[in-house]
C-alpha atoms as a PDB file:
ATOM      1  CA  UNK A   1      -8.072  -1.534 -15.431  1.00  0.00           C
ATOM      2  CA  UNK A   2      -8.911  -3.613 -12.713  1.00  0.00           C
ATOM      3  CA  UNK A   3     -12.103  -5.243 -13.095  1.00  0.00           C
ATOM      4  CA  UNK A   4     -13.459  -7.466  -9.952  1.00  0.00           C
ATOM      5  CA  UNK A   5     -15.291  -7.393  -6.897  1.00  0.00           C
ATOM      6  CA  UNK A   6     -12.345  -7.796  -4.206  1.00  0.00           C
ATOM      7  CA  UNK A   7      -9.331  -4.546  -4.185  1.00  0.00           C
ATOM      8  CA  UNK A   8      -6.194  -5.315  -1.619  1.00  0.00           C
ATOM      9  CA  UNK A   9      -4.745  -2.315  -0.965  1.00  0.00           C
ATOM     10  CA  UNK A  10      -1.108  -2.658   0.512  1.00  0.00           C
ATOM     11  CA  UNK A  11      -0.091   0.234   2.567  1.00  0.00           C
ATOM     12  CA  UNK A  12       3.114   0.800   5.236  1.00  0.00           C
ATOM     13  CA  UNK A  13       3.464   4.009   7.148  1.00  0.00           C
ATOM     14  CA  UNK A  14       4.756   6.013   4.731  1.00  0.00           C
ATOM     15  CA  UNK A  15       2.957   9.569   3.539  1.00  0.00           C
ATOM     16  CA  UNK A  16       1.748   7.344  -0.046  1.00  0.00           C
ATOM     17  CA  UNK A  17      -0.679   5.587   1.872  1.00  0.00           C
ATOM     18  CA  UNK A  18      -2.908   8.270   1.178  1.00  0.00           C
ATOM     19  CA  UNK A  19      -2.582   8.434  -2.402  1.00  0.00           C
ATOM     20  CA  UNK A  20      -3.121   4.237  -2.161  1.00  0.00           C
ATOM     21  CA  UNK A  21      -6.357   4.506   0.257  1.00  0.00           C
ATOM     22  CA  UNK A  22      -7.691   7.408  -2.571  1.00  0.00           C
ATOM     23  CA  UNK A  23      -7.125   5.501  -5.330  1.00  0.00           C
ATOM     24  CA  UNK A  24      -8.238   2.203  -3.727  1.00  0.00           C
ATOM     25  CA  UNK A  25     -11.498   4.456  -2.439  1.00  0.00           C
ATOM     26  CA  UNK A  26     -12.296   5.411  -5.951  1.00  0.00           C
ATOM     27  CA  UNK A  27     -12.005   2.025  -7.672  1.00  0.00           C
ATOM     28  CA  UNK A  28     -13.867   0.299  -4.998  1.00  0.00           C
ATOM     29  CA  UNK A  29     -16.552   2.402  -5.125  1.00  0.00           C
ATOM     30  CA  UNK A  30     -16.835   2.455  -8.850  1.00  0.00           C
ATOM     31  CA  UNK A  31     -16.822  -1.431  -8.751  1.00  0.00           C
ATOM     32  CA  UNK A  32     -19.303  -1.744  -5.646  1.00  0.00           C
ATOM     33  CA  UNK A  33     -16.029  -4.012  -4.177  1.00  0.00           C
ATOM     34  CA  UNK A  34     -14.864  -5.598  -1.165  1.00  0.00           C
ATOM     35  CA  UNK A  35     -12.047  -3.551   0.496  1.00  0.00           C
ATOM     36  CA  UNK A  36      -9.014  -4.977   2.568  1.00  0.00           C
ATOM     37  CA  UNK A  37      -6.275  -3.074   3.482  1.00  0.00           C
ATOM     38  CA  UNK A  38      -3.153  -4.943   4.317  1.00  0.00           C
ATOM     39  CA  UNK A  39      -0.049  -3.841   6.209  1.00  0.00           C
ATOM     40  CA  UNK A  40       2.776  -6.239   6.589  1.00  0.00           C
ATOM     41  CA  UNK A  41       5.287  -6.312   9.516  1.00  0.00           C
ATOM     42  CA  UNK A  42       8.399  -7.223   7.722  1.00  0.00           C
ATOM     43  CA  UNK A  43      11.154  -7.284  10.091  1.00  0.00           C
ATOM     44  CA  UNK A  44      13.793  -6.922   7.424  1.00  0.00           C
ATOM     45  CA  UNK A  45      12.608  -3.810   6.127  1.00  0.00           C
ATOM     46  CA  UNK A  46      13.342  -2.102   9.549  1.00  0.00           C
ATOM     47  CA  UNK A  47      17.506  -0.997   9.346  1.00  0.00           C
ATOM     48  CA  UNK A  48      17.441  -0.131  13.068  1.00  0.00           C
ATOM     49  CA  UNK A  49      16.678  -4.023  13.853  1.00  0.00           C
ATOM     50  CA  UNK A  50      18.219  -5.781  10.645  1.00  0.00           C
ATOM     51  CA  UNK A  51      21.597  -6.475  12.943  1.00  0.00           C
ATOM     52  CA  UNK A  52      19.921  -6.873  16.569  1.00  0.00           C
ATOM     53  CA  UNK A  53      17.988  -9.884  17.098  1.00  0.00           C
ATOM     54  CA  UNK A  54      14.405  -9.005  17.725  1.00  0.00           C
ATOM     55  CA  UNK A  55      12.664  -9.565  20.978  1.00  0.00           C
ATOM     56  CA  UNK A  56       9.036  -9.550  22.257  1.00  0.00           C
ATOM     57  CA  UNK A  57       9.232  -5.485  22.936  1.00  0.00           C
ATOM     58  CA  UNK A  58      10.495  -4.895  19.346  1.00  0.00           C
ATOM     59  CA  UNK A  59       8.029  -6.876  17.949  1.00  0.00           C
ATOM     60  CA  UNK A  60       5.479  -5.560  20.064  1.00  0.00           C
ATOM     61  CA  UNK A  61       6.073  -1.938  19.447  1.00  0.00           C
ATOM     62  CA  UNK A  62       6.175  -2.796  15.461  1.00  0.00           C
ATOM     63  CA  UNK A  63       2.950  -4.578  15.774  1.00  0.00           C
ATOM     64  CA  UNK A  64       1.566  -1.285  17.381  1.00  0.00           C
ATOM     65  CA  UNK A  65       2.632   0.797  14.790  1.00  0.00           C
ATOM     66  CA  UNK A  66       1.139  -1.637  11.960  1.00  0.00           C
ATOM     67  CA  UNK A  67      -1.893  -1.524  14.282  1.00  0.00           C
ATOM     68  CA  UNK A  68      -2.043   2.516  14.051  1.00  0.00           C
ATOM     69  CA  UNK A  69      -1.295   2.798  10.538  1.00  0.00           C
ATOM     70  CA  UNK A  70      -4.655   0.064   9.670  1.00  0.00           C
ATOM     71  CA  UNK A  71      -6.631   1.883  12.236  1.00  0.00           C
ATOM     72  CA  UNK A  72      -5.952   5.234  10.740  1.00  0.00           C
ATOM     73  CA  UNK A  73      -6.615   3.653   7.186  1.00  0.00           C
ATOM     74  CA  UNK A  74     -10.280   2.329   8.185  1.00  0.00           C
ATOM     75  CA  UNK A  75     -10.680   5.640   9.783  1.00  0.00           C
ATOM     76  CA  UNK A  76      -9.873   7.613   6.742  1.00  0.00           C
ATOM     77  CA  UNK A  77     -12.206   5.195   4.212  1.00  0.00           C
ATOM     78  CA  UNK A  78     -14.725   5.470   6.754  1.00  0.00           C
ATOM     79  CA  UNK A  79     -15.108   9.414   6.134  1.00  0.00           C
ATOM     80  CA  UNK A  80     -15.056   8.688   2.193  1.00  0.00           C
ATOM     81  CA  UNK A  81     -18.016   6.136   2.910  1.00  0.00           C
ATOM     82  CA  UNK A  82     -15.734   3.216   2.069  1.00  0.00           C
ATOM     83  CA  UNK A  83     -16.016  -0.030   4.800  1.00  0.00           C
ATOM     84  CA  UNK A  84     -12.744  -1.934   4.498  1.00  0.00           C
ATOM     85  CA  UNK A  85     -11.371  -5.286   6.598  1.00  0.00           C
ATOM     86  CA  UNK A  86      -7.711  -5.036   7.975  1.00  0.00           C
ATOM     87  CA  UNK A  87      -4.890  -7.390   7.831  1.00  0.00           C
ATOM     88  CA  UNK A  88      -1.677  -7.433   9.480  1.00  0.00           C
ATOM     89  CA  UNK A  89       0.684 -10.315   8.520  1.00  0.00           C
ATOM     90  CA  UNK A  90       4.209 -10.498   9.545  1.00  0.00           C
ATOM     91  CA  UNK A  91       6.949 -12.183   6.789  1.00  0.00           C
ATOM     92  CA  UNK A  92       8.337 -10.827   3.549  1.00  0.00           C
ATOM     93  CA  UNK A  93       6.323  -8.061   2.135  1.00  0.00           C
ATOM     94  CA  UNK A  94       5.730  -8.814  -1.337  1.00  0.00           C
ATOM     95  CA  UNK A  95       4.994 -12.684  -0.262  1.00  0.00           C
ATOM     96  CA  UNK A  96       2.540 -11.641   2.234  1.00  0.00           C
ATOM     97  CA  UNK A  97       0.514  -9.485   0.297  1.00  0.00           C
ATOM     98  CA  UNK A  98       0.358 -12.332  -2.698  1.00  0.00           C
ATOM     99  CA  UNK A  99      -0.667 -14.668  -0.249  1.00  0.00           C
ATOM    100  CA  UNK A 100      -3.653 -13.007   1.338  1.00  0.00           C
ATOM    101  CA  UNK A 101      -4.473 -11.655  -2.233  1.00  0.00           C
ATOM    102  CA  UNK A 102      -4.841 -15.599  -3.039  1.00  0.00           C
ATOM    103  CA  UNK A 103      -6.778 -16.380  -0.002  1.00  0.00           C
ATOM    104  CA  UNK A 104      -9.064 -13.327  -0.243  1.00  0.00           C
ATOM    105  CA  UNK A 105      -9.693 -14.195  -4.350  1.00  0.00           C
ATOM    106  CA  UNK A 106      -8.696 -10.700  -4.812  1.00  0.00           C
ATOM    107  CA  UNK A 107      -9.174  -9.206  -8.394  1.00  0.00           C
ATOM    108  CA  UNK A 108      -6.672  -6.239  -7.714  1.00  0.00           C
ATOM    109  CA  UNK A 109      -3.792  -5.109  -5.542  1.00  0.00           C
ATOM    110  CA  UNK A 110      -3.472  -1.438  -4.954  1.00  0.00           C
ATOM    111  CA  UNK A 111       0.159  -0.375  -3.804  1.00  0.00           C
ATOM    112  CA  UNK A 112       2.285   2.808  -3.598  1.00  0.00           C
ATOM    113  CA  UNK A 113       5.141   3.389  -5.274  1.00  0.00           C
ATOM    114  CA  UNK A 114       8.183   5.235  -2.319  1.00  0.00           C
ATOM    115  CA  UNK A 115      11.183   6.694  -4.369  1.00  0.00           C
ATOM    116  CA  UNK A 116      14.014   4.789  -3.364  1.00  0.00           C
ATOM    117  CA  UNK A 117      17.362   6.192  -4.711  1.00  0.00           C
ATOM    118  CA  UNK A 118      19.267   3.292  -6.924  1.00  0.00           C
ATOM    119  CA  UNK A 119      21.120   2.405  -3.419  1.00  0.00           C
ATOM    120  CA  UNK A 120      17.817   2.141  -1.583  1.00  0.00           C
ATOM    121  CA  UNK A 121      16.402  -0.590  -3.964  1.00  0.00           C
ATOM    122  CA  UNK A 122      19.729  -2.394  -4.170  1.00  0.00           C
ATOM    123  CA  UNK A 123      19.869  -2.775  -0.541  1.00  0.00           C
ATOM    124  CA  UNK A 124      15.786  -2.805   0.249  1.00  0.00           C
ATOM    125  CA  UNK A 125      14.532  -4.635  -2.998  1.00  0.00           C
ATOM    126  CA  UNK A 126      11.443  -3.746  -5.053  1.00  0.00           C
ATOM    127  CA  UNK A 127       8.018  -4.610  -3.518  1.00  0.00           C
ATOM    128  CA  UNK A 128       6.457  -3.713  -6.508  1.00  0.00           C
ATOM    129  CA  UNK A 129       8.667  -5.683  -8.863  1.00  0.00           C
ATOM    130  CA  UNK A 130       8.246  -8.835  -6.219  1.00  0.00           C
ATOM    131  CA  UNK A 131       4.960  -8.434  -6.092  1.00  0.00           C
ATOM    132  CA  UNK A 132       4.624  -8.502  -9.692  1.00  0.00           C
ATOM    133  CA  UNK A 133       6.481 -12.052 -10.220  1.00  0.00           C
ATOM    134  CA  UNK A 134       4.077 -13.394  -7.109  1.00  0.00           C
ATOM    135  CA  UNK A 135       0.831 -12.330  -7.540  1.00  0.00           C
ATOM    136  CA  UNK A 136      -2.177 -14.200  -8.817  1.00  0.00           C
ATOM    137  CA  UNK A 137      -3.804 -10.573  -9.857  1.00  0.00           C
ATOM    138  CA  UNK A 138      -3.772  -7.309 -11.066  1.00  0.00           C
ATOM    139  CA  UNK A 139      -1.403  -5.239  -9.541  1.00  0.00           C
ATOM    140  CA  UNK A 140      -1.623  -1.257  -9.468  1.00  0.00           C
ATOM    141  CA  UNK A 141       1.217   0.970  -9.013  1.00  0.00           C
ATOM    142  CA  UNK A 142       0.048   4.396  -7.433  1.00  0.00           C
ATOM    143  CA  UNK A 143       2.426   7.396  -7.708  1.00  0.00           C
ATOM    144  CA  UNK A 144       2.747  10.149  -6.671  1.00  0.00           C
ATOM    145  CA  UNK A 145       2.051  13.441  -8.853  1.00  0.00           C
ATOM    146  CA  UNK A 146       4.468  15.513  -9.483  1.00  0.00           C
ATOM    147  CA  UNK A 147       3.725  19.093  -9.539  1.00  0.00           C
ATOM    148  CA  UNK A 148       5.966  20.735 -11.922  1.00  0.00           C
ATOM    149  CA  UNK A 149       5.373  18.337 -14.777  1.00  0.00           C
ATOM    150  CA  UNK A 150       3.373  19.656 -17.507  1.00  0.00           C
ATOM    151  CA  UNK A 151       2.373  18.261 -20.983  1.00  0.00           C
ATOM    152  CA  UNK A 152       2.852  19.692 -23.959  1.00  0.00           C
ATOM    153  CA  UNK A 153       0.123  22.637 -24.425  1.00  0.00           C
ATOM    154  CA  UNK A 154      -0.574  23.086 -20.877  1.00  0.00           C
ATOM    155  CA  UNK A 155      -0.141  26.213 -19.102  1.00  0.00           C
ATOM    156  CA  UNK A 156      -0.729  24.984 -15.932  1.00  0.00           C
ATOM    157  CA  UNK A 157       1.414  22.749 -13.467  1.00  0.00           C
ATOM    158  CA  UNK A 158      -0.459  19.056 -13.046  1.00  0.00           C
ATOM    159  CA  UNK A 159      -1.645  18.847  -9.768  1.00  0.00           C
ATOM    160  CA  UNK A 160      -4.380  16.493  -8.586  1.00  0.00           C
ATOM    161  CA  UNK A 161      -6.568  17.464  -5.769  1.00  0.00           C
ATOM    162  CA  UNK A 162      -7.268  14.951  -2.530  1.00  0.00           C
ATOM    163  CA  UNK A 163     -10.348  14.114  -2.016  1.00  0.00           C
ATOM    164  CA  UNK A 164      -9.418  15.148   2.083  1.00  0.00           C
ATOM    165  CA  UNK A 165      -6.658  16.588   3.546  1.00  0.00           C
END
């Protein structure tokens, strides 16, 4: 388990960001940690512009999307009585998260797991794997609960209630 005083939650615009924020709030509250949320503007991860030369307008649109994601994260955490500081660096996702974690002297990073196909991982790579290789601290990867999975002896499918809907 991550033990320290600074947590960094890394999110993007995917639906998994809520799971990451829920886990960050849960752990952050237990640790009384300073919580930071980062969303990296990584132009290489946008297929729609990977073959184009990014111009100022494209970058402005992507930057606005990142800030919207971070504003929504701040509001979501505030409803759970958690304060956070947000960061929106440009660059390679894993590299920027690891750099920020080092600057903050983070004790842990919390990220989500995007269920990519093998081809998707081949094309896009795995931020989680790259981050673990680069980071100066622990990395917790939050996975989406499988509502159909049961364990031996369970009568009901597993589910985890969300703290907010």
